């Protein structure tokens, strides 16, 4: 069983597979960008008609950036799953990257609909755009600071039998999460296409990411429970519980709207940095 588990992980998320999927994601992002531009041009010249909520994807040339960013976000989710066997902190760091890109994608989407004003009055859309930009800067700083602190605090541990079993268990969870990721992505895309055909088709960060982060929370809790079998000290339990809390806050932020969502995204990042700083200063084991 462990050998099969390891082979499955290497085939789907090993170095060779990761490099291939990265190149595929880049190609798809470029192709998707040009296809979206073509659809926008056809819509603008009235050669095609797009009705319903899906029309927001073609109301401006800036809207064409939504497709490549969405593809890159899907690739980042794959990278997140790939880091699960490494450590809790590595996985959480990837979650911050995803949160940052989600905010960037929302900013690009909102820019396409901002109306010009001839006076000094700031519209509600422009005001919220400013809030989103501030949240992006905070999240970007959080992501960079988090990885700098995490890399500087990681320790090399001897691969004991207990640690090897723990890593193998996390590798199995990563394999299961990859299947869930593929199923959730396929279901989300199918339901969105079906919604477009019925006159809907609105796009938001809730699509796919809300369901995926629900499963990710369950996976994190399972890893937390398994880790307590091997690491019984309160420090590691509290640290990993804090990381689970950070994931839950990201999930709530995804489902929220307005300023509250930006506050929650920022709060999640600050909690992660605070936890890492506290346990780095106390020389706790980081890389588990």
C-alpha atoms as a PDB file:
ATOM      1  CA  UNK A   1       0.000   0.000   0.000  1.00  0.00           C
ATOM      2  CA  UNK A   2       2.701   2.608   0.856  1.00  0.00           C
ATOM      3  CA  UNK A   3       4.559   1.771  -2.355  1.00  0.00           C
ATOM      4  CA  UNK A   4       1.392   2.201  -4.428  1.00  0.00           C
ATOM      5  CA  UNK A   5       0.625   5.438  -2.629  1.00  0.00           C
ATOM      6  CA  UNK A   6       4.084   6.813  -3.378  1.00  0.00           C
ATOM      7  CA  UNK A   7       3.956   5.762  -7.044  1.00  0.00           C
ATOM      8  CA  UNK A   8       0.557   7.422  -7.489  1.00  0.00           C
ATOM      9  CA  UNK A   9       1.908  10.643  -6.023  1.00  0.00           C
ATOM     10  CA  UNK A  10       5.032  10.570  -8.216  1.00  0.00           C
ATOM     11  CA  UNK A  11       3.004   9.925 -11.352  1.00  0.00           C
ATOM     12  CA  UNK A  12       0.561  12.783 -10.739  1.00  0.00           C
ATOM     13  CA  UNK A  13       2.558  15.256  -8.658  1.00  0.00           C
ATOM     14  CA  UNK A  14       6.214  14.350  -9.024  1.00  0.00           C
ATOM     15  CA  UNK A  15       8.817  16.706 -10.486  1.00  0.00           C
ATOM     16  CA  UNK A  16       8.308  15.525 -14.072  1.00  0.00           C
ATOM     17  CA  UNK A  17       4.507  15.747 -13.815  1.00  0.00           C
ATOM     18  CA  UNK A  18       4.687  19.165 -12.173  1.00  0.00           C
ATOM     19  CA  UNK A  19       6.917  20.538 -14.921  1.00  0.00           C
ATOM     20  CA  UNK A  20       4.608  19.154 -17.629  1.00  0.00           C
ATOM     21  CA  UNK A  21       1.446  20.517 -15.984  1.00  0.00           C
ATOM     22  CA  UNK A  22       3.098  23.908 -15.464  1.00  0.00           C
ATOM     23  CA  UNK A  23       3.867  24.175 -19.179  1.00  0.00           C
ATOM     24  CA  UNK A  24       0.352  23.021 -20.089  1.00  0.00           C
ATOM     25  CA  UNK A  25      -1.146  25.619 -17.741  1.00  0.00           C
ATOM     26  CA  UNK A  26       0.921  28.395 -19.330  1.00  0.00           C
ATOM     27  CA  UNK A  27      -0.082  27.327 -22.844  1.00  0.00           C
ATOM     28  CA  UNK A  28      -3.753  27.109 -21.846  1.00  0.00           C
ATOM     29  CA  UNK A  29      -3.569  30.534 -20.199  1.00  0.00           C
ATOM     30  CA  UNK A  30      -2.149  32.104 -23.367  1.00  0.00           C
ATOM     31  CA  UNK A  31      -4.634  30.307 -25.627  1.00  0.00           C
ATOM     32  CA  UNK A  32      -7.496  31.164 -23.286  1.00  0.00           C
ATOM     33  CA  UNK A  33      -6.461  34.816 -23.315  1.00  0.00           C
ATOM     34  CA  UNK A  34      -6.547  35.040 -27.116  1.00  0.00           C
ATOM     35  CA  UNK A  35      -9.791  33.073 -27.356  1.00  0.00           C
ATOM     36  CA  UNK A  36     -11.385  35.435 -24.843  1.00  0.00           C
ATOM     37  CA  UNK A  37     -10.152  38.440 -26.864  1.00  0.00           C
ATOM     38  CA  UNK A  38     -11.669  36.882 -30.005  1.00  0.00           C
ATOM     39  CA  UNK A  39     -15.015  36.337 -28.263  1.00  0.00           C
ATOM     40  CA  UNK A  40     -14.974  39.931 -26.991  1.00  0.00           C
ATOM     41  CA  UNK A  41     -14.202  41.244 -30.496  1.00  0.00           C
ATOM     42  CA  UNK A  42     -17.025  39.186 -32.022  1.00  0.00           C
ATOM     43  CA  UNK A  43     -19.409  40.430 -29.351  1.00  0.00           C
ATOM     44  CA  UNK A  44     -18.294  44.042 -29.807  1.00  0.00           C
ATOM     45  CA  UNK A  45     -18.828  43.870 -33.584  1.00  0.00           C
ATOM     46  CA  UNK A  46     -22.245  42.234 -32.980  1.00  0.00           C
ATOM     47  CA  UNK A  47     -21.286  39.027 -34.769  1.00  0.00           C
ATOM     48  CA  UNK A  48     -22.367  37.023 -31.717  1.00  0.00           C
ATOM     49  CA  UNK A  49     -24.861  37.657 -28.947  1.00  0.00           C
ATOM     50  CA  UNK A  50     -24.216  36.926 -25.282  1.00  0.00           C
ATOM     51  CA  UNK A  51     -27.094  37.438 -22.899  1.00  0.00           C
ATOM     52  CA  UNK A  52     -27.533  37.142 -19.168  1.00  0.00           C
ATOM     53  CA  UNK A  53     -24.914  37.444 -16.465  1.00  0.00           C
ATOM     54  CA  UNK A  54     -22.237  35.941 -18.720  1.00  0.00           C
ATOM     55  CA  UNK A  55     -22.163  39.215 -20.661  1.00  0.00           C
ATOM     56  CA  UNK A  56     -19.998  40.709 -17.908  1.00  0.00           C
ATOM     57  CA  UNK A  57     -17.117  38.659 -19.319  1.00  0.00           C
ATOM     58  CA  UNK A  58     -17.192  40.607 -22.595  1.00  0.00           C
ATOM     59  CA  UNK A  59     -18.127  44.129 -21.523  1.00  0.00           C
ATOM     60  CA  UNK A  60     -14.524  45.365 -21.663  1.00  0.00           C
ATOM     61  CA  UNK A  61     -11.123  44.308 -23.066  1.00  0.00           C
ATOM     62  CA  UNK A  62      -9.934  44.072 -19.466  1.00  0.00           C
ATOM     63  CA  UNK A  63     -12.454  41.286 -18.945  1.00  0.00           C
ATOM     64  CA  UNK A  64     -10.311  39.062 -21.174  1.00  0.00           C
ATOM     65  CA  UNK A  65      -7.743  38.836 -18.370  1.00  0.00           C
ATOM     66  CA  UNK A  66     -10.232  36.821 -16.310  1.00  0.00           C
ATOM     67  CA  UNK A  67      -9.657  33.613 -18.293  1.00  0.00           C
ATOM     68  CA  UNK A  68      -5.837  33.365 -18.038  1.00  0.00           C
ATOM     69  CA  UNK A  69      -5.921  34.318 -14.356  1.00  0.00           C
ATOM     70  CA  UNK A  70      -8.513  31.613 -13.706  1.00  0.00           C
ATOM     71  CA  UNK A  71      -6.305  29.011 -15.385  1.00  0.00           C
ATOM     72  CA  UNK A  72      -3.281  30.128 -13.352  1.00  0.00           C
ATOM     73  CA  UNK A  73      -5.388  29.916 -10.184  1.00  0.00           C
ATOM     74  CA  UNK A  74      -6.297  26.324 -11.002  1.00  0.00           C
ATOM     75  CA  UNK A  75      -2.585  25.572 -11.437  1.00  0.00           C
ATOM     76  CA  UNK A  76      -1.871  27.161  -8.033  1.00  0.00           C
ATOM     77  CA  UNK A  77      -4.472  24.843  -6.482  1.00  0.00           C
ATOM     78  CA  UNK A  78      -2.589  21.905  -7.992  1.00  0.00           C
ATOM     79  CA  UNK A  79       0.607  23.284  -6.449  1.00  0.00           C
ATOM     80  CA  UNK A  80      -1.135  23.588  -3.087  1.00  0.00           C
ATOM     81  CA  UNK A  81      -2.140  19.919  -3.169  1.00  0.00           C
ATOM     82  CA  UNK A  82       1.405  19.002  -4.162  1.00  0.00           C
ATOM     83  CA  UNK A  83       2.823  20.699  -1.032  1.00  0.00           C
ATOM     84  CA  UNK A  84       0.562  18.819   1.415  1.00  0.00           C
ATOM     85  CA  UNK A  85       3.140  16.067   2.160  1.00  0.00           C
ATOM     86  CA  UNK A  86       5.880  18.671   2.755  1.00  0.00           C
ATOM     87  CA  UNK A  87       4.532  20.581   5.741  1.00  0.00           C
ATOM     88  CA  UNK A  88       1.517  22.397   7.109  1.00  0.00           C
ATOM     89  CA  UNK A  89       3.303  25.721   6.709  1.00  0.00           C
ATOM     90  CA  UNK A  90       4.111  25.124   3.023  1.00  0.00           C
ATOM     91  CA  UNK A  91       0.487  24.274   2.279  1.00  0.00           C
ATOM     92  CA  UNK A  92      -0.779  27.343   4.128  1.00  0.00           C
ATOM     93  CA  UNK A  93       1.699  29.516   2.236  1.00  0.00           C
ATOM     94  CA  UNK A  94       0.189  28.330  -1.043  1.00  0.00           C
ATOM     95  CA  UNK A  95      -3.255  29.203   0.284  1.00  0.00           C
ATOM     96  CA  UNK A  96      -2.091  32.800   0.750  1.00  0.00           C
ATOM     97  CA  UNK A  97      -0.861  32.860  -2.846  1.00  0.00           C
ATOM     98  CA  UNK A  98      -4.283  31.680  -4.023  1.00  0.00           C
ATOM     99  CA  UNK A  99      -6.023  34.310  -1.893  1.00  0.00           C
ATOM    100  CA  UNK A 100      -3.754  36.986  -3.408  1.00  0.00           C
ATOM    101  CA  UNK A 101      -4.533  35.887  -6.966  1.00  0.00           C
ATOM    102  CA  UNK A 102      -8.255  35.713  -6.202  1.00  0.00           C
ATOM    103  CA  UNK A 103      -8.188  39.345  -5.092  1.00  0.00           C
ATOM    104  CA  UNK A 104      -6.173  40.341  -8.196  1.00  0.00           C
ATOM    105  CA  UNK A 105      -8.715  38.622 -10.436  1.00  0.00           C
ATOM    106  CA  UNK A 106     -11.565  40.434  -8.675  1.00  0.00           C
ATOM    107  CA  UNK A 107      -9.732  43.755  -9.134  1.00  0.00           C
ATOM    108  CA  UNK A 108      -9.314  43.157 -12.873  1.00  0.00           C
ATOM    109  CA  UNK A 109     -12.974  42.209 -13.147  1.00  0.00           C
ATOM    110  CA  UNK A 110     -14.061  45.347 -11.273  1.00  0.00           C
ATOM    111  CA  UNK A 111     -11.774  47.615 -13.331  1.00  0.00           C
ATOM    112  CA  UNK A 112     -13.674  46.643 -16.460  1.00  0.00           C
ATOM    113  CA  UNK A 113     -16.855  48.111 -14.988  1.00  0.00           C
ATOM    114  CA  UNK A 114     -15.594  51.279 -13.282  1.00  0.00           C
ATOM    115  CA  UNK A 115     -17.375  54.358 -14.591  1.00  0.00           C
ATOM    116  CA  UNK A 116     -15.532  57.642 -15.124  1.00  0.00           C
ATOM    117  CA  UNK A 117     -16.617  60.613 -13.039  1.00  0.00           C
ATOM    118  CA  UNK A 118     -16.159  64.265 -13.981  1.00  0.00           C
ATOM    119  CA  UNK A 119     -16.397  65.592 -10.434  1.00  0.00           C
ATOM    120  CA  UNK A 120     -14.593  64.821  -7.171  1.00  0.00           C
ATOM    121  CA  UNK A 121     -17.195  62.357  -6.023  1.00  0.00           C
ATOM    122  CA  UNK A 122     -15.907  58.822  -5.441  1.00  0.00           C
ATOM    123  CA  UNK A 123     -18.414  56.171  -6.491  1.00  0.00           C
ATOM    124  CA  UNK A 124     -19.090  53.058  -4.436  1.00  0.00           C
ATOM    125  CA  UNK A 125     -17.371  50.872  -7.056  1.00  0.00           C
ATOM    126  CA  UNK A 126     -14.243  53.015  -7.048  1.00  0.00           C
ATOM    127  CA  UNK A 127     -14.182  53.105  -3.254  1.00  0.00           C
ATOM    128  CA  UNK A 128     -14.379  49.336  -3.026  1.00  0.00           C
ATOM    129  CA  UNK A 129     -11.712  49.061  -5.739  1.00  0.00           C
ATOM    130  CA  UNK A 130      -9.382  51.042  -3.486  1.00  0.00           C
ATOM    131  CA  UNK A 131     -10.154  48.651  -0.610  1.00  0.00           C
ATOM    132  CA  UNK A 132      -9.411  45.655  -2.834  1.00  0.00           C
ATOM    133  CA  UNK A 133      -6.081  47.159  -3.906  1.00  0.00           C
ATOM    134  CA  UNK A 134      -5.110  47.699  -0.273  1.00  0.00           C
ATOM    135  CA  UNK A 135      -6.080  44.119   0.545  1.00  0.00           C
ATOM    136  CA  UNK A 136      -3.970  42.898  -2.398  1.00  0.00           C
ATOM    137  CA  UNK A 137      -0.905  44.789  -1.137  1.00  0.00           C
ATOM    138  CA  UNK A 138      -1.377  43.374   2.358  1.00  0.00           C
ATOM    139  CA  UNK A 139      -1.825  39.833   1.015  1.00  0.00           C
ATOM    140  CA  UNK A 140       1.203  40.175  -1.260  1.00  0.00           C
ATOM    141  CA  UNK A 141       3.312  41.356   1.663  1.00  0.00           C
ATOM    142  CA  UNK A 142       1.885  38.545   3.778  1.00  0.00           C
ATOM    143  CA  UNK A 143       2.759  35.881   1.196  1.00  0.00           C
ATOM    144  CA  UNK A 144       6.322  37.122   0.678  1.00  0.00           C
ATOM    145  CA  UNK A 145       6.955  37.618   4.398  1.00  0.00           C
ATOM    146  CA  UNK A 146       5.426  34.253   5.236  1.00  0.00           C
ATOM    147  CA  UNK A 147       7.669  32.319   2.862  1.00  0.00           C
ATOM    148  CA  UNK A 148      10.744  34.267   3.949  1.00  0.00           C
ATOM    149  CA  UNK A 149      10.051  33.457   7.590  1.00  0.00           C
ATOM    150  CA  UNK A 150       9.084  29.858   6.835  1.00  0.00           C
ATOM    151  CA  UNK A 151      12.218  29.165   4.790  1.00  0.00           C
ATOM    152  CA  UNK A 152      14.500  30.712   7.382  1.00  0.00           C
ATOM    153  CA  UNK A 153      12.910  28.734  10.211  1.00  0.00           C
ATOM    154  CA  UNK A 154      12.752  25.291   8.605  1.00  0.00           C
ATOM    155  CA  UNK A 155      14.921  22.645  10.188  1.00  0.00           C
ATOM    156  CA  UNK A 156      16.229  19.432   8.713  1.00  0.00           C
ATOM    157  CA  UNK A 157      14.859  16.474  10.631  1.00  0.00           C
ATOM    158  CA  UNK A 158      16.095  12.940  10.604  1.00  0.00           C
ATOM    159  CA  UNK A 159      13.558  10.780   8.774  1.00  0.00           C
ATOM    160  CA  UNK A 160      12.532   8.454  11.593  1.00  0.00           C
ATOM    161  CA  UNK A 161      10.013   5.665  11.093  1.00  0.00           C
ATOM    162  CA  UNK A 162       7.253   7.743  12.691  1.00  0.00           C
ATOM    163  CA  UNK A 163       7.941  10.744  10.459  1.00  0.00           C
ATOM    164  CA  UNK A 164       8.081   8.501   7.369  1.00  0.00           C
ATOM    165  CA  UNK A 165       4.660   7.054   8.235  1.00  0.00           C
ATOM    166  CA  UNK A 166       3.281  10.554   8.809  1.00  0.00           C
ATOM    167  CA  UNK A 167       4.606  11.798   5.462  1.00  0.00           C
ATOM    168  CA  UNK A 168       3.157   8.730   3.745  1.00  0.00           C
ATOM    169  CA  UNK A 169      -0.237   9.444   5.307  1.00  0.00           C
ATOM    170  CA  UNK A 170      -0.104  13.045   4.064  1.00  0.00           C
ATOM    171  CA  UNK A 171       0.881  11.774   0.627  1.00  0.00           C
ATOM    172  CA  UNK A 172      -2.247   9.616   0.604  1.00  0.00           C
ATOM    173  CA  UNK A 173      -4.366  12.633   1.579  1.00  0.00           C
ATOM    174  CA  UNK A 174      -2.752  14.615  -1.261  1.00  0.00           C
ATOM    175  CA  UNK A 175      -3.674  11.860  -3.741  1.00  0.00           C
ATOM    176  CA  UNK A 176      -7.271  11.928  -2.501  1.00  0.00           C
ATOM    177  CA  UNK A 177      -7.371  15.746  -2.678  1.00  0.00           C
ATOM    178  CA  UNK A 178      -6.165  15.626  -6.295  1.00  0.00           C
ATOM    179  CA  UNK A 179      -9.145  13.440  -7.218  1.00  0.00           C
ATOM    180  CA  UNK A 180     -11.478  15.763  -5.312  1.00  0.00           C
ATOM    181  CA  UNK A 181      -9.882  18.734  -7.081  1.00  0.00           C
ATOM    182  CA  UNK A 182     -10.512  17.219 -10.522  1.00  0.00           C
ATOM    183  CA  UNK A 183     -14.087  16.246  -9.665  1.00  0.00           C
ATOM    184  CA  UNK A 184     -14.884  19.640  -8.150  1.00  0.00           C
ATOM    185  CA  UNK A 185     -13.387  21.502 -11.116  1.00  0.00           C
ATOM    186  CA  UNK A 186     -15.346  19.400 -13.613  1.00  0.00           C
ATOM    187  CA  UNK A 187     -18.588  19.831 -11.662  1.00  0.00           C
ATOM    188  CA  UNK A 188     -18.092  23.594 -11.277  1.00  0.00           C
ATOM    189  CA  UNK A 189     -17.401  24.038 -14.981  1.00  0.00           C
ATOM    190  CA  UNK A 190     -20.422  21.916 -15.923  1.00  0.00           C
ATOM    191  CA  UNK A 191     -22.791  23.831 -13.639  1.00  0.00           C
ATOM    192  CA  UNK A 192     -21.461  27.168 -14.932  1.00  0.00           C
ATOM    193  CA  UNK A 193     -21.946  26.185 -18.585  1.00  0.00           C
ATOM    194  CA  UNK A 194     -25.439  24.961 -17.730  1.00  0.00           C
ATOM    195  CA  UNK A 195     -26.134  28.286 -16.031  1.00  0.00           C
ATOM    196  CA  UNK A 196     -24.941  30.199 -19.115  1.00  0.00           C
ATOM    197  CA  UNK A 197     -27.354  28.243 -21.292  1.00  0.00           C
ATOM    198  CA  UNK A 198     -30.196  29.214 -18.973  1.00  0.00           C
ATOM    199  CA  UNK A 199     -29.329  32.920 -19.109  1.00  0.00           C
ATOM    200  CA  UNK A 200     -27.132  33.072 -16.017  1.00  0.00           C
ATOM    201  CA  UNK A 201     -23.391  32.480 -15.970  1.00  0.00           C
ATOM    202  CA  UNK A 202     -22.263  35.030 -13.415  1.00  0.00           C
ATOM    203  CA  UNK A 203     -18.636  34.547 -12.387  1.00  0.00           C
ATOM    204  CA  UNK A 204     -17.251  34.978  -8.885  1.00  0.00           C
ATOM    205  CA  UNK A 205     -14.617  33.485  -6.612  1.00  0.00           C
ATOM    206  CA  UNK A 206     -17.320  31.267  -5.065  1.00  0.00           C
ATOM    207  CA  UNK A 207     -17.260  29.055  -8.164  1.00  0.00           C
ATOM    208  CA  UNK A 208     -15.063  26.009  -7.449  1.00  0.00           C
ATOM    209  CA  UNK A 209     -13.022  27.648  -4.674  1.00  0.00           C
ATOM    210  CA  UNK A 210     -15.761  27.576  -2.049  1.00  0.00           C
ATOM    211  CA  UNK A 211     -16.270  23.828  -2.462  1.00  0.00           C
ATOM    212  CA  UNK A 212     -12.572  23.081  -2.772  1.00  0.00           C
ATOM    213  CA  UNK A 213     -11.651  24.948   0.410  1.00  0.00           C
ATOM    214  CA  UNK A 214     -14.413  23.078   2.236  1.00  0.00           C
ATOM    215  CA  UNK A 215     -12.704  19.797   1.355  1.00  0.00           C
ATOM    216  CA  UNK A 216      -9.304  21.349   2.112  1.00  0.00           C
ATOM    217  CA  UNK A 217     -10.436  22.200   5.644  1.00  0.00           C
ATOM    218  CA  UNK A 218     -11.509  18.591   6.160  1.00  0.00           C
ATOM    219  CA  UNK A 219      -8.118  17.415   4.879  1.00  0.00           C
ATOM    220  CA  UNK A 220      -6.293  19.830   7.194  1.00  0.00           C
ATOM    221  CA  UNK A 221      -8.300  18.614  10.178  1.00  0.00           C
ATOM    222  CA  UNK A 222      -7.504  15.010   9.283  1.00  0.00           C
ATOM    223  CA  UNK A 223      -3.791  15.838   9.038  1.00  0.00           C
ATOM    224  CA  UNK A 224      -4.035  17.640  12.376  1.00  0.00           C
ATOM    225  CA  UNK A 225      -5.538  14.582  14.051  1.00  0.00           C
ATOM    226  CA  UNK A 226      -2.970  12.242  12.492  1.00  0.00           C
ATOM    227  CA  UNK A 227      -0.111  14.550  13.515  1.00  0.00           C
ATOM    228  CA  UNK A 228      -1.156  14.307  17.155  1.00  0.00           C
ATOM    229  CA  UNK A 229      -0.389  10.574  16.977  1.00  0.00           C
ATOM    230  CA  UNK A 230       3.260  11.408  16.290  1.00  0.00           C
ATOM    231  CA  UNK A 231       3.651  14.856  17.934  1.00  0.00           C
ATOM    232  CA  UNK A 232       1.949  14.986  21.329  1.00  0.00           C
ATOM    233  CA  UNK A 233       3.356  18.313  22.548  1.00  0.00           C
ATOM    234  CA  UNK A 234       0.922  21.213  22.830  1.00  0.00           C
ATOM    235  CA  UNK A 235       3.096  23.566  20.790  1.00  0.00           C
ATOM    236  CA  UNK A 236       2.772  21.682  17.514  1.00  0.00           C
ATOM    237  CA  UNK A 237      -0.916  21.005  18.113  1.00  0.00           C
ATOM    238  CA  UNK A 238      -1.591  24.701  18.736  1.00  0.00           C
ATOM    239  CA  UNK A 239       0.470  25.757  15.734  1.00  0.00           C
ATOM    240  CA  UNK A 240      -1.309  23.428  13.320  1.00  0.00           C
ATOM    241  CA  UNK A 241      -4.702  24.305  14.813  1.00  0.00           C
ATOM    242  CA  UNK A 242      -3.903  27.948  14.105  1.00  0.00           C
ATOM    243  CA  UNK A 243      -3.111  27.084  10.492  1.00  0.00           C
ATOM    244  CA  UNK A 244      -6.458  25.276  10.193  1.00  0.00           C
ATOM    245  CA  UNK A 245      -8.121  28.405  11.598  1.00  0.00           C
ATOM    246  CA  UNK A 246      -6.380  30.440   8.905  1.00  0.00           C
ATOM    247  CA  UNK A 247      -7.762  28.114   6.215  1.00  0.00           C
ATOM    248  CA  UNK A 248     -11.273  28.398   7.649  1.00  0.00           C
ATOM    249  CA  UNK A 249     -11.036  32.206   7.540  1.00  0.00           C
ATOM    250  CA  UNK A 250      -9.960  32.077   3.875  1.00  0.00           C
ATOM    251  CA  UNK A 251     -12.955  29.868   3.136  1.00  0.00           C
ATOM    252  CA  UNK A 252     -15.313  32.305   4.886  1.00  0.00           C
ATOM    253  CA  UNK A 253     -13.691  35.202   2.992  1.00  0.00           C
ATOM    254  CA  UNK A 254     -14.358  33.447  -0.311  1.00  0.00           C
ATOM    255  CA  UNK A 255     -18.053  33.152   0.520  1.00  0.00           C
ATOM    256  CA  UNK A 256     -18.284  36.749   1.787  1.00  0.00           C
ATOM    257  CA  UNK A 257     -18.811  39.911  -0.212  1.00  0.00           C
ATOM    258  CA  UNK A 258     -17.782  43.531   0.056  1.00  0.00           C
ATOM    259  CA  UNK A 259     -15.280  44.968   2.497  1.00  0.00           C
ATOM    260  CA  UNK A 260     -15.790  42.109   4.960  1.00  0.00           C
ATOM    261  CA  UNK A 261     -14.251  39.636   2.503  1.00  0.00           C
ATOM    262  CA  UNK A 262     -11.137  41.789   2.108  1.00  0.00           C
ATOM    263  CA  UNK A 263     -10.806  42.108   5.895  1.00  0.00           C
ATOM    264  CA  UNK A 264     -11.084  38.335   6.293  1.00  0.00           C
ATOM    265  CA  UNK A 265      -8.473  37.639   3.607  1.00  0.00           C
ATOM    266  CA  UNK A 266      -6.088  40.030   5.322  1.00  0.00           C
ATOM    267  CA  UNK A 267      -6.847  38.613   8.770  1.00  0.00           C
ATOM    268  CA  UNK A 268      -6.047  35.101   7.592  1.00  0.00           C
ATOM    269  CA  UNK A 269      -2.613  36.161   6.373  1.00  0.00           C
ATOM    270  CA  UNK A 270      -1.794  38.100   9.525  1.00  0.00           C
ATOM    271  CA  UNK A 271      -2.751  35.116  11.684  1.00  0.00           C
ATOM    272  CA  UNK A 272      -0.426  32.872   9.686  1.00  0.00           C
ATOM    273  CA  UNK A 273       2.513  35.255  10.056  1.00  0.00           C
ATOM    274  CA  UNK A 274       1.828  35.729  13.780  1.00  0.00           C
ATOM    275  CA  UNK A 275       1.736  31.959  14.371  1.00  0.00           C
ATOM    276  CA  UNK A 276       4.948  31.389  12.461  1.00  0.00           C
ATOM    277  CA  UNK A 277       6.728  34.249  14.231  1.00  0.00           C
ATOM    278  CA  UNK A 278       5.634  33.033  17.681  1.00  0.00           C
ATOM    279  CA  UNK A 279       6.802  29.474  17.123  1.00  0.00           C
ATOM    280  CA  UNK A 280       9.991  30.530  15.349  1.00  0.00           C
ATOM    281  CA  UNK A 281      10.970  32.628  18.350  1.00  0.00           C
ATOM    282  CA  UNK A 282      10.210  29.717  20.667  1.00  0.00           C
ATOM    283  CA  UNK A 283      12.319  27.310  18.569  1.00  0.00           C
ATOM    284  CA  UNK A 284       9.399  24.988  17.980  1.00  0.00           C
ATOM    285  CA  UNK A 285       9.524  22.318  15.302  1.00  0.00           C
ATOM    286  CA  UNK A 286       8.353  23.915  12.106  1.00  0.00           C
ATOM    287  CA  UNK A 287       8.734  21.427   9.324  1.00  0.00           C
ATOM    288  CA  UNK A 288       6.166  18.676  10.027  1.00  0.00           C
END
